[in-house]
Amino acid sequence: MNESDHKRNIKKAWKEQERQRLLGSVPIPLAELRNLFDHLDRKDAPACDHTLRDTLTFLRSRGLEEPAIVAWLNEHGGFCDCVLANVENTFGPFL
């Protein structure tokens, strides 16, 4: 293995480790996270009122743990329904 291959393998291993760390931090089943993103992206979604109103409605309808999920969403840039796209940009590729 040459030095270039070695560096590429190190970078690949780091990216996988980071991916696993990110996925391990998600306090909601990944399928439900995808469903949440889809729910918020639907055509008939209400206009954002700069709260997590629609997100909370979704979480409650599924009996999911609101405090932990909301804290996690906030930590990753999701402070209201319209900016959950920030979270989706980070985690969407893994779903």
N, C-alpha and C. Protein backbone atom coordinates (compact mmCIF):
# COMPACT_ATOMS: atom_id res chain seq x y z
N MET A 1 0.85 -1.17 0.00
CA MET A 1 0.00 0.00 0.00
C MET A 1 0.89 1.24 0.00
N ASN A 2 0.63 2.13 -0.93
CA ASN A 2 1.43 3.35 -0.98
C ASN A 2 0.87 4.39 -0.01
N GLU A 3 1.58 5.49 0.14
CA GLU A 3 1.19 6.52 1.10
C GLU A 3 -0.16 7.12 0.77
N SER A 4 -0.45 7.31 -0.51
CA SER A 4 -1.73 7.88 -0.93
C SER A 4 -2.88 6.95 -0.54
N ASP A 5 -2.72 5.65 -0.75
CA ASP A 5 -3.74 4.69 -0.36
C ASP A 5 -3.92 4.68 1.15
N HIS A 6 -2.82 4.77 1.86
CA HIS A 6 -2.87 4.77 3.32
C HIS A 6 -3.66 5.98 3.83
N LYS A 7 -3.39 7.16 3.28
CA LYS A 7 -4.10 8.38 3.67
C LYS A 7 -5.59 8.26 3.33
N ARG A 8 -5.88 7.71 2.18
CA ARG A 8 -7.27 7.54 1.75
C ARG A 8 -8.01 6.59 2.72
N ASN A 9 -7.34 5.52 3.13
CA ASN A 9 -7.95 4.57 4.06
C ASN A 9 -8.17 5.19 5.44
N ILE A 10 -7.23 6.02 5.88
CA ILE A 10 -7.38 6.71 7.16
C ILE A 10 -8.57 7.66 7.09
N LYS A 11 -8.68 8.40 6.00
CA LYS A 11 -9.78 9.34 5.83
C LYS A 11 -11.12 8.59 5.78
N LYS A 12 -11.15 7.47 5.07
CA LYS A 12 -12.37 6.67 4.97
C LYS A 12 -12.77 6.14 6.35
N ALA A 13 -11.80 5.66 7.11
CA ALA A 13 -12.07 5.14 8.46
C ALA A 13 -12.58 6.25 9.37
N TRP A 14 -11.99 7.43 9.27
CA TRP A 14 -12.43 8.56 10.09
C TRP A 14 -13.87 8.93 9.74
N LYS A 15 -14.19 8.99 8.44
CA LYS A 15 -15.55 9.34 8.03
C LYS A 15 -16.55 8.32 8.55
N GLU A 16 -16.20 7.05 8.52
CA GLU A 16 -17.10 6.02 9.02
C GLU A 16 -17.26 6.14 10.54
N GLN A 17 -16.19 6.44 11.23
CA GLN A 17 -16.25 6.63 12.67
C GLN A 17 -17.15 7.83 13.01
N GLU A 18 -17.02 8.90 12.26
CA GLU A 18 -17.85 10.09 12.47
C GLU A 18 -19.31 9.77 12.17
N ARG A 19 -19.54 9.02 11.11
CA ARG A 19 -20.90 8.61 10.76
C ARG A 19 -21.53 7.82 11.90
N GLN A 20 -20.79 6.87 12.44
CA GLN A 20 -21.29 6.05 13.54
C GLN A 20 -21.54 6.89 14.79
N ARG A 21 -20.67 7.85 15.05
CA ARG A 21 -20.85 8.74 16.21
C ARG A 21 -22.13 9.55 16.05
N LEU A 22 -22.33 10.12 14.86
CA LEU A 22 -23.53 10.91 14.61
C LEU A 22 -24.79 10.06 14.74
N LEU A 23 -24.78 8.90 14.13
CA LEU A 23 -25.95 8.03 14.19
C LEU A 23 -26.23 7.56 15.61
N GLY A 24 -25.18 7.34 16.37
CA GLY A 24 -25.33 6.91 17.76
C GLY A 24 -25.92 7.99 18.65
N SER A 25 -25.85 9.24 18.21
CA SER A 25 -26.37 10.34 19.02
C SER A 25 -27.86 10.59 18.82
N VAL A 26 -28.45 9.96 17.83
CA VAL A 26 -29.84 10.22 17.47
C VAL A 26 -30.78 9.56 18.49
N PRO A 27 -31.60 10.37 19.20
CA PRO A 27 -32.48 9.82 20.24
C PRO A 27 -33.87 9.40 19.73
N ILE A 28 -33.96 9.15 18.44
CA ILE A 28 -35.23 8.78 17.81
C ILE A 28 -34.87 7.70 16.78
N PRO A 29 -35.72 6.69 16.64
CA PRO A 29 -35.42 5.68 15.61
C PRO A 29 -35.21 6.37 14.25
N LEU A 30 -34.22 5.91 13.52
CA LEU A 30 -33.89 6.56 12.25
C LEU A 30 -35.07 6.59 11.29
N ALA A 31 -35.87 5.56 11.27
CA ALA A 31 -37.05 5.55 10.39
C ALA A 31 -38.01 6.67 10.79
N GLU A 32 -38.16 6.90 12.10
CA GLU A 32 -39.04 7.98 12.56
C GLU A 32 -38.44 9.35 12.24
N LEU A 33 -37.12 9.46 12.30
CA LEU A 33 -36.48 10.73 11.93
C LEU A 33 -36.75 11.03 10.46
N ARG A 34 -36.63 10.02 9.61
CA ARG A 34 -36.94 10.20 8.18
C ARG A 34 -38.40 10.59 8.02
N ASN A 35 -39.28 9.91 8.78
CA ASN A 35 -40.71 10.25 8.71
C ASN A 35 -40.97 11.68 9.15
N LEU A 36 -40.26 12.13 10.18
CA LEU A 36 -40.40 13.52 10.63
C LEU A 36 -39.99 14.48 9.53
N PHE A 37 -38.85 14.24 8.90
CA PHE A 37 -38.41 15.12 7.81
C PHE A 37 -39.45 15.14 6.69
N ASP A 38 -39.96 13.96 6.33
CA ASP A 38 -40.97 13.88 5.27
C ASP A 38 -42.25 14.62 5.68
N HIS A 39 -42.62 14.47 6.94
CA HIS A 39 -43.82 15.15 7.45
C HIS A 39 -43.67 16.67 7.34
N LEU A 40 -42.52 17.17 7.70
CA LEU A 40 -42.30 18.62 7.66
C LEU A 40 -42.15 19.14 6.24
N ASP A 41 -41.75 18.28 5.30
CA ASP A 41 -41.55 18.68 3.91
C ASP A 41 -42.80 18.50 3.05
N ARG A 42 -43.88 18.03 3.64
CA ARG A 42 -45.08 17.74 2.85
C ARG A 42 -45.65 19.03 2.24
N LYS A 43 -46.37 18.86 1.15
CA LYS A 43 -46.91 20.01 0.42
C LYS A 43 -47.92 20.81 1.23
N ASP A 44 -48.68 20.14 2.10
CA ASP A 44 -49.71 20.85 2.86
C ASP A 44 -49.23 21.26 4.26
N ALA A 45 -47.92 21.30 4.46
CA ALA A 45 -47.39 21.70 5.76
C ALA A 45 -47.75 23.16 6.04
N PRO A 46 -48.10 23.46 7.29
CA PRO A 46 -48.42 24.86 7.61
C PRO A 46 -47.17 25.74 7.51
N ALA A 47 -47.40 27.01 7.31
CA ALA A 47 -46.27 27.95 7.28
C ALA A 47 -45.57 27.90 8.64
N CYS A 48 -44.28 28.05 8.61
CA CYS A 48 -43.51 28.01 9.86
C CYS A 48 -43.84 29.23 10.71
N ASP A 49 -44.11 28.97 11.98
CA ASP A 49 -44.37 30.07 12.92
C ASP A 49 -43.16 30.27 13.84
N HIS A 50 -42.03 29.73 13.40
CA HIS A 50 -40.74 29.84 14.10
C HIS A 50 -40.75 29.16 15.46
N THR A 51 -41.53 28.07 15.52
CA THR A 51 -41.54 27.19 16.69
C THR A 51 -41.40 25.76 16.17
N LEU A 52 -41.42 24.83 17.07
CA LEU A 52 -41.41 23.41 16.71
C LEU A 52 -42.82 22.82 16.80
N ARG A 53 -43.82 23.65 16.58
CA ARG A 53 -45.22 23.23 16.73
C ARG A 53 -45.54 21.97 15.93
N ASP A 54 -45.21 21.95 14.66
CA ASP A 54 -45.52 20.80 13.81
C ASP A 54 -44.66 19.59 14.21
N THR A 55 -43.43 19.84 14.59
CA THR A 55 -42.55 18.77 15.05
C THR A 55 -43.12 18.14 16.32
N LEU A 56 -43.54 18.97 17.26
CA LEU A 56 -44.10 18.46 18.52
C LEU A 56 -45.38 17.66 18.28
N THR A 57 -46.21 18.13 17.36
CA THR A 57 -47.43 17.40 17.02
C THR A 57 -47.06 16.01 16.49
N PHE A 58 -46.07 15.96 15.63
CA PHE A 58 -45.61 14.68 15.07
C PHE A 58 -45.09 13.77 16.18
N LEU A 59 -44.22 14.29 17.05
CA LEU A 59 -43.63 13.48 18.11
C LEU A 59 -44.71 12.96 19.06
N ARG A 60 -45.65 13.80 19.42
CA ARG A 60 -46.74 13.40 20.33
C ARG A 60 -47.62 12.33 19.69
N SER A 61 -47.88 12.47 18.40
CA SER A 61 -48.76 11.50 17.72
C SER A 61 -48.13 10.10 17.67
N ARG A 62 -46.82 10.04 17.85
CA ARG A 62 -46.12 8.76 17.82
C ARG A 62 -45.63 8.32 19.19
N GLY A 63 -45.92 9.11 20.21
CA GLY A 63 -45.51 8.76 21.56
C GLY A 63 -44.00 8.77 21.76
N LEU A 64 -43.31 9.65 21.03
CA LEU A 64 -41.85 9.73 21.12
C LEU A 64 -41.44 10.70 22.23
N GLU A 65 -40.27 10.51 22.75
CA GLU A 65 -39.76 11.28 23.89
C GLU A 65 -39.38 12.70 23.48
N GLU A 66 -40.30 13.62 23.71
CA GLU A 66 -40.12 15.00 23.26
C GLU A 66 -38.87 15.70 23.82
N PRO A 67 -38.66 15.73 25.13
CA PRO A 67 -37.54 16.53 25.65
C PRO A 67 -36.18 16.14 25.06
N ALA A 68 -35.90 14.87 25.01
CA ALA A 68 -34.60 14.42 24.49
C ALA A 68 -34.47 14.72 23.00
N ILE A 69 -35.54 14.50 22.27
CA ILE A 69 -35.50 14.71 20.82
C ILE A 69 -35.38 16.20 20.50
N VAL A 70 -36.16 17.03 21.19
CA VAL A 70 -36.10 18.48 20.95
C VAL A 70 -34.72 19.01 21.31
N ALA A 71 -34.16 18.56 22.43
CA ALA A 71 -32.81 19.00 22.81
C ALA A 71 -31.80 18.61 21.74
N TRP A 72 -31.92 17.40 21.22
CA TRP A 72 -31.01 16.92 20.18
C TRP A 72 -31.19 17.73 18.90
N LEU A 73 -32.44 17.98 18.50
CA LEU A 73 -32.69 18.79 17.31
C LEU A 73 -32.08 20.18 17.46
N ASN A 74 -32.28 20.79 18.63
CA ASN A 74 -31.71 22.12 18.89
C ASN A 74 -30.18 22.08 18.78
N GLU A 75 -29.59 21.05 19.34
CA GLU A 75 -28.13 20.91 19.32
C GLU A 75 -27.59 20.85 17.89
N HIS A 76 -28.42 20.37 16.98
CA HIS A 76 -27.99 20.22 15.58
C HIS A 76 -28.61 21.27 14.66
N GLY A 77 -29.09 22.38 15.24
CA GLY A 77 -29.54 23.50 14.43
C GLY A 77 -31.02 23.53 14.13
N GLY A 78 -31.81 22.62 14.68
CA GLY A 78 -33.24 22.58 14.42
C GLY A 78 -34.02 23.29 15.50
N PHE A 79 -34.13 24.60 15.42
CA PHE A 79 -34.81 25.40 16.44
C PHE A 79 -36.26 25.68 16.11
N CYS A 80 -36.65 25.46 14.87
CA CYS A 80 -38.05 25.61 14.49
C CYS A 80 -38.31 24.67 13.31
N ASP A 81 -39.58 24.51 12.97
CA ASP A 81 -39.94 23.55 11.92
C ASP A 81 -39.24 23.83 10.60
N CYS A 82 -39.07 25.11 10.24
CA CYS A 82 -38.49 25.41 8.92
C CYS A 82 -36.97 25.23 8.89
N VAL A 83 -36.31 25.28 10.02
CA VAL A 83 -34.86 25.09 9.98
C VAL A 83 -34.44 23.67 10.33
N LEU A 84 -35.42 22.77 10.44
CA LEU A 84 -35.04 21.36 10.61
C LEU A 84 -34.30 20.87 9.37
N ALA A 85 -34.35 21.65 8.30
CA ALA A 85 -33.55 21.31 7.12
C ALA A 85 -32.07 21.26 7.49
N ASN A 86 -31.64 22.06 8.47
CA ASN A 86 -30.25 21.99 8.94
C ASN A 86 -29.93 20.59 9.44
N VAL A 87 -30.84 20.02 10.20
CA VAL A 87 -30.64 18.69 10.75
C VAL A 87 -30.69 17.66 9.61
N GLU A 88 -31.64 17.85 8.71
CA GLU A 88 -31.78 16.91 7.60
C GLU A 88 -30.54 16.92 6.71
N ASN A 89 -29.92 18.08 6.52
CA ASN A 89 -28.71 18.14 5.71
C ASN A 89 -27.58 17.33 6.33
N THR A 90 -27.53 17.30 7.66
CA THR A 90 -26.49 16.54 8.34
C THR A 90 -26.80 15.06 8.38
N PHE A 91 -28.04 14.71 8.71
CA PHE A 91 -28.38 13.31 8.97
C PHE A 91 -29.12 12.64 7.83
N GLY A 92 -29.73 13.41 6.94
CA GLY A 92 -30.48 12.83 5.84
C GLY A 92 -29.73 11.80 5.00
N PRO A 93 -28.46 12.04 4.69
CA PRO A 93 -27.74 11.05 3.88
C PRO A 93 -27.59 9.69 4.56
N PHE A 94 -27.76 9.64 5.87
CA PHE A 94 -27.62 8.38 6.60
C PHE A 94 -28.93 7.61 6.70
N LEU A 95 -30.02 8.24 6.31
CA LEU A 95 -31.33 7.62 6.49
C LEU A 95 -31.78 6.88 5.26
